[in-house]
Amino acid sequence: MDNTFNLQHFWSQGDGFSHFTALLLLLMSVLSWGVILLRLSMYLRLRQMPKGLAAFWHNKDTDTRVAALAPFDKEQLITPLAQLADSQTDTPTLERKLAHAVRLANNQLDKGLTLLATVASSAPFVGLLGTVWGIYRTLTSVAAQGQLDIANIIGPVGEALIMTAAGLAVALPALFAYNFFSRNNQSHQTEIDAFAHDILNSHAG
């Protein structure tokens, strides 16, 4: 058995299942990094939200304060709530509309987090599955030869362990990103809820 230790040898010696697990990890990595980059872009834009809220409340002209808020709300999270501020509907109706707008804003904030959580929790197991399969194939190959030579086992087993490392390499960035964006979302959700309550109180007053 060839004990050459490198990724090319790992791929060439792998079967369909090992190729499938490797490609699955690659797909999970691409998707999670795509979400991470999109969420980072959103995170930078959301940093303008406090300025938008300040512009809204400092503008006493009801016809222009929504327009003053809009440039700071590229994600359209609080603009729908601001548009309800001058609604002539009764308080219970306004409360329902605000609650609906808050739910939509929260759903927008949570976009992509489910995928990050899924990748973070499942990628290590996919990598471990690939490792177990690679070790199994190595041992069955050695058994078929009828002799045990440790030199011929070290290379293939080491290559199989690459799958475990790959699973962790895919999972850890997704996990860190999920925790970061989840904490960030909590602060924005608090701001949005407070804005909705302020609008409701100003309407009732």
C-alpha atoms as a PDB file:
ATOM      1  CA  MET A   1       0.000   0.000   0.000  1.00  0.00           C
ATOM      2  CA  ASP A   2       1.325   3.451  -0.936  1.00  0.00           C
ATOM      3  CA  ASN A   3       1.870   5.508   2.212  1.00  0.00           C
ATOM      4  CA  THR A   4       2.375   8.810   0.418  1.00  0.00           C
ATOM      5  CA  PHE A   5       0.755  11.492   2.579  1.00  0.00           C
ATOM      6  CA  ASN A   6      -0.867  14.371   0.702  1.00  0.00           C
ATOM      7  CA  LEU A   7      -4.258  15.710  -0.316  1.00  0.00           C
ATOM      8  CA  GLN A   8      -3.889  14.625  -3.930  1.00  0.00           C
ATOM      9  CA  HIS A   9      -3.270  11.063  -2.850  1.00  0.00           C
ATOM     10  CA  PHE A  10      -6.219  11.262  -0.440  1.00  0.00           C
ATOM     11  CA  TRP A  11      -8.526  12.329  -3.255  1.00  0.00           C
ATOM     12  CA  SER A  12      -7.191   9.825  -5.781  1.00  0.00           C
ATOM     13  CA  GLN A  13      -7.466   6.944  -3.321  1.00  0.00           C
ATOM     14  CA  GLY A  14     -10.900   7.941  -2.056  1.00  0.00           C
ATOM     15  CA  ASP A  15     -14.115   6.308  -3.158  1.00  0.00           C
ATOM     16  CA  GLY A  16     -17.446   7.881  -3.990  1.00  0.00           C
ATOM     17  CA  PHE A  17     -18.503   8.250  -0.368  1.00  0.00           C
ATOM     18  CA  SER A  18     -15.308   9.996   0.715  1.00  0.00           C
ATOM     19  CA  HIS A  19     -15.581  12.311  -2.291  1.00  0.00           C
ATOM     20  CA  PHE A  20     -19.190  13.041  -1.347  1.00  0.00           C
ATOM     21  CA  THR A  21     -18.309  13.994   2.226  1.00  0.00           C
ATOM     22  CA  ALA A  22     -15.423  16.185   1.055  1.00  0.00           C
ATOM     23  CA  LEU A  23     -17.626  17.991  -1.463  1.00  0.00           C
ATOM     24  CA  LEU A  24     -20.379  18.359   1.138  1.00  0.00           C
ATOM     25  CA  LEU A  25     -17.935  20.042   3.505  1.00  0.00           C
ATOM     26  CA  LEU A  26     -16.776  22.300   0.681  1.00  0.00           C
ATOM     27  CA  LEU A  27     -20.372  23.268  -0.098  1.00  0.00           C
ATOM     28  CA  MET A  28     -21.094  23.963   3.565  1.00  0.00           C
ATOM     29  CA  SER A  29     -17.987  26.126   3.770  1.00  0.00           C
ATOM     30  CA  VAL A  30     -18.896  28.135   0.665  1.00  0.00           C
ATOM     31  CA  LEU A  31     -22.462  28.700   1.871  1.00  0.00           C
ATOM     32  CA  SER A  32     -21.440  29.679   5.390  1.00  0.00           C
ATOM     33  CA  TRP A  33     -18.772  32.104   4.190  1.00  0.00           C
ATOM     34  CA  GLY A  34     -21.259  33.601   1.758  1.00  0.00           C
ATOM     35  CA  VAL A  35     -23.665  34.215   4.632  1.00  0.00           C
ATOM     36  CA  ILE A  36     -20.862  35.575   6.816  1.00  0.00           C
ATOM     37  CA  LEU A  37     -19.842  38.127   4.180  1.00  0.00           C
ATOM     38  CA  LEU A  38     -23.445  39.195   3.591  1.00  0.00           C
ATOM     39  CA  ARG A  39     -24.052  39.499   7.317  1.00  0.00           C
ATOM     40  CA  LEU A  40     -20.884  41.556   7.765  1.00  0.00           C
ATOM     41  CA  SER A  41     -22.109  43.941   5.095  1.00  0.00           C
ATOM     42  CA  MET A  42     -25.467  44.175   6.878  1.00  0.00           C
ATOM     43  CA  TYR A  43     -23.719  44.682  10.214  1.00  0.00           C
ATOM     44  CA  LEU A  44     -21.829  47.708   8.883  1.00  0.00           C
ATOM     45  CA  ARG A  45     -25.025  49.224   7.493  1.00  0.00           C
ATOM     46  CA  LEU A  46     -26.963  48.616  10.715  1.00  0.00           C
ATOM     47  CA  ARG A  47     -24.455  50.692  12.648  1.00  0.00           C
ATOM     48  CA  GLN A  48     -26.242  53.714  11.152  1.00  0.00           C
ATOM     49  CA  MET A  49     -29.565  52.820  12.784  1.00  0.00           C
ATOM     50  CA  PRO A  50     -29.126  55.013  15.913  1.00  0.00           C
ATOM     51  CA  LYS A  51     -28.436  58.004  13.668  1.00  0.00           C
ATOM     52  CA  GLY A  52     -31.626  57.281  11.770  1.00  0.00           C
ATOM     53  CA  LEU A  53     -33.670  57.110  14.957  1.00  0.00           C
ATOM     54  CA  ALA A  54     -32.155  60.382  16.159  1.00  0.00           C
ATOM     55  CA  ALA A  55     -32.923  62.042  12.811  1.00  0.00           C
ATOM     56  CA  PHE A  56     -36.525  60.843  13.029  1.00  0.00           C
ATOM     57  CA  TRP A  57     -37.228  62.155  16.523  1.00  0.00           C
ATOM     58  CA  HIS A  58     -35.305  65.408  16.063  1.00  0.00           C
ATOM     59  CA  ASN A  59     -37.302  66.243  12.960  1.00  0.00           C
ATOM     60  CA  LYS A  60     -40.585  67.783  14.043  1.00  0.00           C
ATOM     61  CA  ASP A  61     -41.997  67.975  10.525  1.00  0.00           C
ATOM     62  CA  THR A  62     -44.205  64.891  10.162  1.00  0.00           C
ATOM     63  CA  ASP A  63     -43.954  65.100   6.369  1.00  0.00           C
ATOM     64  CA  THR A  64     -40.166  64.893   6.210  1.00  0.00           C
ATOM     65  CA  ARG A  65     -38.993  62.919   9.228  1.00  0.00           C
ATOM     66  CA  VAL A  66     -39.475  59.563   7.527  1.00  0.00           C
ATOM     67  CA  ALA A  67     -37.382  60.851   4.640  1.00  0.00           C
ATOM     68  CA  ALA A  68     -34.751  62.001   7.135  1.00  0.00           C
ATOM     69  CA  LEU A  69     -34.626  58.481   8.589  1.00  0.00           C
ATOM     70  CA  ALA A  70     -34.489  56.562   5.292  1.00  0.00           C
ATOM     71  CA  PRO A  71     -30.798  57.179   4.378  1.00  0.00           C
ATOM     72  CA  PHE A  72     -29.737  55.534   7.633  1.00  0.00           C
ATOM     73  CA  ASP A  73     -31.976  52.483   7.186  1.00  0.00           C
ATOM     74  CA  LYS A  74     -30.658  50.687   4.110  1.00  0.00           C
ATOM     75  CA  GLU A  75     -32.140  47.394   5.325  1.00  0.00           C
ATOM     76  CA  GLN A  76     -35.629  48.893   5.640  1.00  0.00           C
ATOM     77  CA  LEU A  77     -36.008  47.637   9.196  1.00  0.00           C
ATOM     78  CA  ILE A  78     -37.373  50.707  10.964  1.00  0.00           C
ATOM     79  CA  THR A  79     -38.699  52.755   8.053  1.00  0.00           C
ATOM     80  CA  PRO A  80     -41.950  50.706   7.912  1.00  0.00           C
ATOM     81  CA  LEU A  81     -42.452  51.454  11.613  1.00  0.00           C
ATOM     82  CA  ALA A  82     -41.720  55.144  11.091  1.00  0.00           C
ATOM     83  CA  GLN A  83     -44.307  55.295   8.331  1.00  0.00           C
ATOM     84  CA  LEU A  84     -46.921  54.183  10.855  1.00  0.00           C
ATOM     85  CA  ALA A  85     -46.083  56.989  13.275  1.00  0.00           C
ATOM     86  CA  ASP A  86     -48.535  59.407  11.675  1.00  0.00           C
ATOM     87  CA  SER A  87     -51.182  56.801  11.006  1.00  0.00           C
ATOM     88  CA  GLN A  88     -54.716  57.919  11.749  1.00  0.00           C
ATOM     89  CA  THR A  89     -55.834  54.446  12.785  1.00  0.00           C
ATOM     90  CA  ASP A  90     -56.999  53.623  16.285  1.00  0.00           C
ATOM     91  CA  THR A  91     -54.484  52.492  18.890  1.00  0.00           C
ATOM     92  CA  PRO A  92     -55.290  48.731  18.809  1.00  0.00           C
ATOM     93  CA  THR A  93     -54.952  48.670  15.012  1.00  0.00           C
ATOM     94  CA  LEU A  94     -51.711  50.610  15.165  1.00  0.00           C
ATOM     95  CA  GLU A  95     -50.394  48.199  17.791  1.00  0.00           C
ATOM     96  CA  ARG A  96     -51.123  45.225  15.518  1.00  0.00           C
ATOM     97  CA  LYS A  97     -49.457  46.914  12.542  1.00  0.00           C
ATOM     98  CA  LEU A  98     -46.398  47.792  14.608  1.00  0.00           C
ATOM     99  CA  ALA A  99     -46.158  44.236  15.943  1.00  0.00           C
ATOM    100  CA  HIS A 100     -46.291  42.918  12.378  1.00  0.00           C
ATOM    101  CA  ALA A 101     -43.586  45.359  11.240  1.00  0.00           C
ATOM    102  CA  VAL A 102     -41.402  44.352  14.198  1.00  0.00           C
ATOM    103  CA  ARG A 103     -41.767  40.657  13.303  1.00  0.00           C
ATOM    104  CA  LEU A 104     -40.754  41.366   9.711  1.00  0.00           C
ATOM    105  CA  ALA A 105     -37.728  43.340  10.909  1.00  0.00           C
ATOM    106  CA  ASN A 106     -36.689  40.527  13.248  1.00  0.00           C
ATOM    107  CA  ASN A 107     -37.028  37.986  10.438  1.00  0.00           C
ATOM    108  CA  GLN A 108     -34.809  40.174   8.277  1.00  0.00           C
ATOM    109  CA  LEU A 109     -32.229  40.357  11.058  1.00  0.00           C
ATOM    110  CA  ASP A 110     -32.218  36.576  11.479  1.00  0.00           C
ATOM    111  CA  LYS A 111     -31.641  35.783   7.812  1.00  0.00           C
ATOM    112  CA  GLY A 112     -28.820  33.288   7.343  1.00  0.00           C
ATOM    113  CA  LEU A 113     -28.377  32.484  11.028  1.00  0.00           C
ATOM    114  CA  THR A 114     -30.162  29.154  10.711  1.00  0.00           C
ATOM    115  CA  LEU A 115     -27.698  28.072   8.034  1.00  0.00           C
ATOM    116  CA  LEU A 116     -24.733  29.130  10.181  1.00  0.00           C
ATOM    117  CA  ALA A 117     -26.117  27.200  13.147  1.00  0.00           C
ATOM    118  CA  THR A 118     -26.697  24.133  10.972  1.00  0.00           C
ATOM    119  CA  VAL A 119     -23.160  24.219   9.563  1.00  0.00           C
ATOM    120  CA  ALA A 120     -21.629  24.809  12.999  1.00  0.00           C
ATOM    121  CA  SER A 121     -23.441  21.829  14.503  1.00  0.00           C
ATOM    122  CA  SER A 122     -23.235  19.350  11.619  1.00  0.00           C
ATOM    123  CA  ALA A 123     -19.880  19.949   9.890  1.00  0.00           C
ATOM    124  CA  PRO A 124     -17.781  18.235  12.627  1.00  0.00           C
ATOM    125  CA  PHE A 125     -19.940  15.124  12.350  1.00  0.00           C
ATOM    126  CA  VAL A 126     -19.665  15.098   8.558  1.00  0.00           C
ATOM    127  CA  GLY A 127     -15.888  15.319   8.896  1.00  0.00           C
ATOM    128  CA  LEU A 128     -15.869  12.580  11.539  1.00  0.00           C
ATOM    129  CA  LEU A 129     -17.987  10.376   9.310  1.00  0.00           C
ATOM    130  CA  GLY A 130     -15.466  10.827   6.506  1.00  0.00           C
ATOM    131  CA  THR A 131     -12.636   9.950   8.890  1.00  0.00           C
ATOM    132  CA  VAL A 132     -14.338   6.798  10.151  1.00  0.00           C
ATOM    133  CA  TRP A 133     -15.068   5.716   6.601  1.00  0.00           C
ATOM    134  CA  GLY A 134     -11.460   6.323   5.531  1.00  0.00           C
ATOM    135  CA  ILE A 135     -10.070   4.337   8.456  1.00  0.00           C
ATOM    136  CA  TYR A 136     -12.520   1.527   7.758  1.00  0.00           C
ATOM    137  CA  ARG A 137     -11.421   1.342   4.124  1.00  0.00           C
ATOM    138  CA  THR A 138      -7.779   1.328   5.173  1.00  0.00           C
ATOM    139  CA  LEU A 139      -8.244  -1.506   7.646  1.00  0.00           C
ATOM    140  CA  THR A 140     -10.283  -3.616   5.251  1.00  0.00           C
ATOM    141  CA  SER A 141      -7.603  -3.110   2.609  1.00  0.00           C
ATOM    142  CA  VAL A 142      -4.892  -4.240   5.036  1.00  0.00           C
ATOM    143  CA  ALA A 143      -6.995  -7.228   6.077  1.00  0.00           C
ATOM    144  CA  ALA A 144      -7.420  -8.229   2.438  1.00  0.00           C
ATOM    145  CA  GLN A 145      -3.624  -8.263   2.022  1.00  0.00           C
ATOM    146  CA  GLY A 146      -3.319 -10.595   5.004  1.00  0.00           C
ATOM    147  CA  GLN A 147      -0.481  -8.692   6.687  1.00  0.00           C
ATOM    148  CA  LEU A 148      -0.261  -5.768   9.075  1.00  0.00           C
ATOM    149  CA  ASP A 149       2.414  -3.220   8.281  1.00  0.00           C
ATOM    150  CA  ILE A 150       2.204  -0.041  10.342  1.00  0.00           C
ATOM    151  CA  ALA A 151       4.126   1.887   7.707  1.00  0.00           C
ATOM    152  CA  ASN A 152       1.363   1.184   5.234  1.00  0.00           C
ATOM    153  CA  ILE A 153      -1.336   2.307   7.656  1.00  0.00           C
ATOM    154  CA  ILE A 154       0.037   5.611   8.936  1.00  0.00           C
ATOM    155  CA  GLY A 155      -0.326   7.486   5.644  1.00  0.00           C
ATOM    156  CA  PRO A 156      -3.903   6.475   4.759  1.00  0.00           C
ATOM    157  CA  VAL A 157      -5.106   6.926   8.357  1.00  0.00           C
ATOM    158  CA  GLY A 158      -3.478  10.346   8.490  1.00  0.00           C
ATOM    159  CA  GLU A 159      -5.228  11.280   5.281  1.00  0.00           C
ATOM    160  CA  ALA A 160      -8.511  10.068   6.704  1.00  0.00           C
ATOM    161  CA  LEU A 161      -8.008  12.330   9.722  1.00  0.00           C
ATOM    162  CA  ILE A 162      -7.905  15.258   7.324  1.00  0.00           C
ATOM    163  CA  MET A 163     -11.685  14.958   7.143  1.00  0.00           C
ATOM    164  CA  THR A 164     -12.011  15.612  10.880  1.00  0.00           C
ATOM    165  CA  ALA A 165      -9.788  18.680  10.589  1.00  0.00           C
ATOM    166  CA  ALA A 166     -11.792  19.856   7.572  1.00  0.00           C
ATOM    167  CA  GLY A 167     -15.047  19.468   9.487  1.00  0.00           C
ATOM    168  CA  LEU A 168     -13.714  21.605  12.332  1.00  0.00           C
ATOM    169  CA  ALA A 169     -12.312  24.166   9.893  1.00  0.00           C
ATOM    170  CA  VAL A 170     -15.774  24.526   8.370  1.00  0.00           C
ATOM    171  CA  ALA A 171     -17.669  24.535  11.662  1.00  0.00           C
ATOM    172  CA  LEU A 172     -15.612  26.960  13.770  1.00  0.00           C
ATOM    173  CA  PRO A 173     -16.004  30.092  11.592  1.00  0.00           C
ATOM    174  CA  ALA A 174     -19.730  29.397  11.301  1.00  0.00           C
ATOM    175  CA  LEU A 175     -20.004  28.996  15.073  1.00  0.00           C
ATOM    176  CA  PHE A 176     -18.097  32.187  15.868  1.00  0.00           C
ATOM    177  CA  ALA A 177     -20.083  34.134  13.263  1.00  0.00           C
ATOM    178  CA  TYR A 178     -23.393  32.790  14.561  1.00  0.00           C
ATOM    179  CA  ASN A 179     -22.595  33.856  18.122  1.00  0.00           C
ATOM    180  CA  PHE A 180     -21.400  37.296  17.017  1.00  0.00           C
ATOM    181  CA  PHE A 181     -24.382  38.076  14.800  1.00  0.00           C
ATOM    182  CA  SER A 182     -26.875  36.661  17.307  1.00  0.00           C
ATOM    183  CA  ARG A 183     -25.579  38.982  20.028  1.00  0.00           C
ATOM    184  CA  ASN A 184     -25.598  41.884  17.604  1.00  0.00           C
ATOM    185  CA  ASN A 185     -29.167  41.093  16.576  1.00  0.00           C
ATOM    186  CA  GLN A 186     -30.344  41.211  20.171  1.00  0.00           C
ATOM    187  CA  SER A 187     -29.242  44.821  20.526  1.00  0.00           C
ATOM    188  CA  HIS A 188     -30.909  45.814  17.253  1.00  0.00           C
ATOM    189  CA  GLN A 189     -34.107  43.982  18.163  1.00  0.00           C
ATOM    190  CA  THR A 190     -34.165  45.892  21.429  1.00  0.00           C
ATOM    191  CA  GLU A 191     -33.811  49.173  19.531  1.00  0.00           C
ATOM    192  CA  ILE A 192     -36.603  48.225  17.142  1.00  0.00           C
ATOM    193  CA  ASP A 193     -38.937  47.185  19.979  1.00  0.00           C
ATOM    194  CA  ALA A 194     -38.223  50.422  21.833  1.00  0.00           C
ATOM    195  CA  PHE A 195     -38.901  52.433  18.680  1.00  0.00           C
ATOM    196  CA  ALA A 196     -42.230  50.666  18.202  1.00  0.00           C
ATOM    197  CA  HIS A 197     -43.227  51.362  21.813  1.00  0.00           C
ATOM    198  CA  ASP A 198     -42.253  55.016  21.478  1.00  0.00           C
ATOM    199  CA  ILE A 199     -44.387  55.358  18.357  1.00  0.00           C
ATOM    200  CA  LEU A 200     -47.314  53.695  20.095  1.00  0.00           C
ATOM    201  CA  ASN A 201     -46.959  55.899  23.179  1.00  0.00           C
ATOM    202  CA  SER A 202     -46.713  59.086  21.098  1.00  0.00           C
ATOM    203  CA  HIS A 203     -49.844  58.058  19.192  1.00  0.00           C
ATOM    204  CA  ALA A 204     -51.755  57.307  22.384  1.00  0.00           C
ATOM    205  CA  GLY A 205     -50.597  60.560  23.944  1.00  0.00           C
END
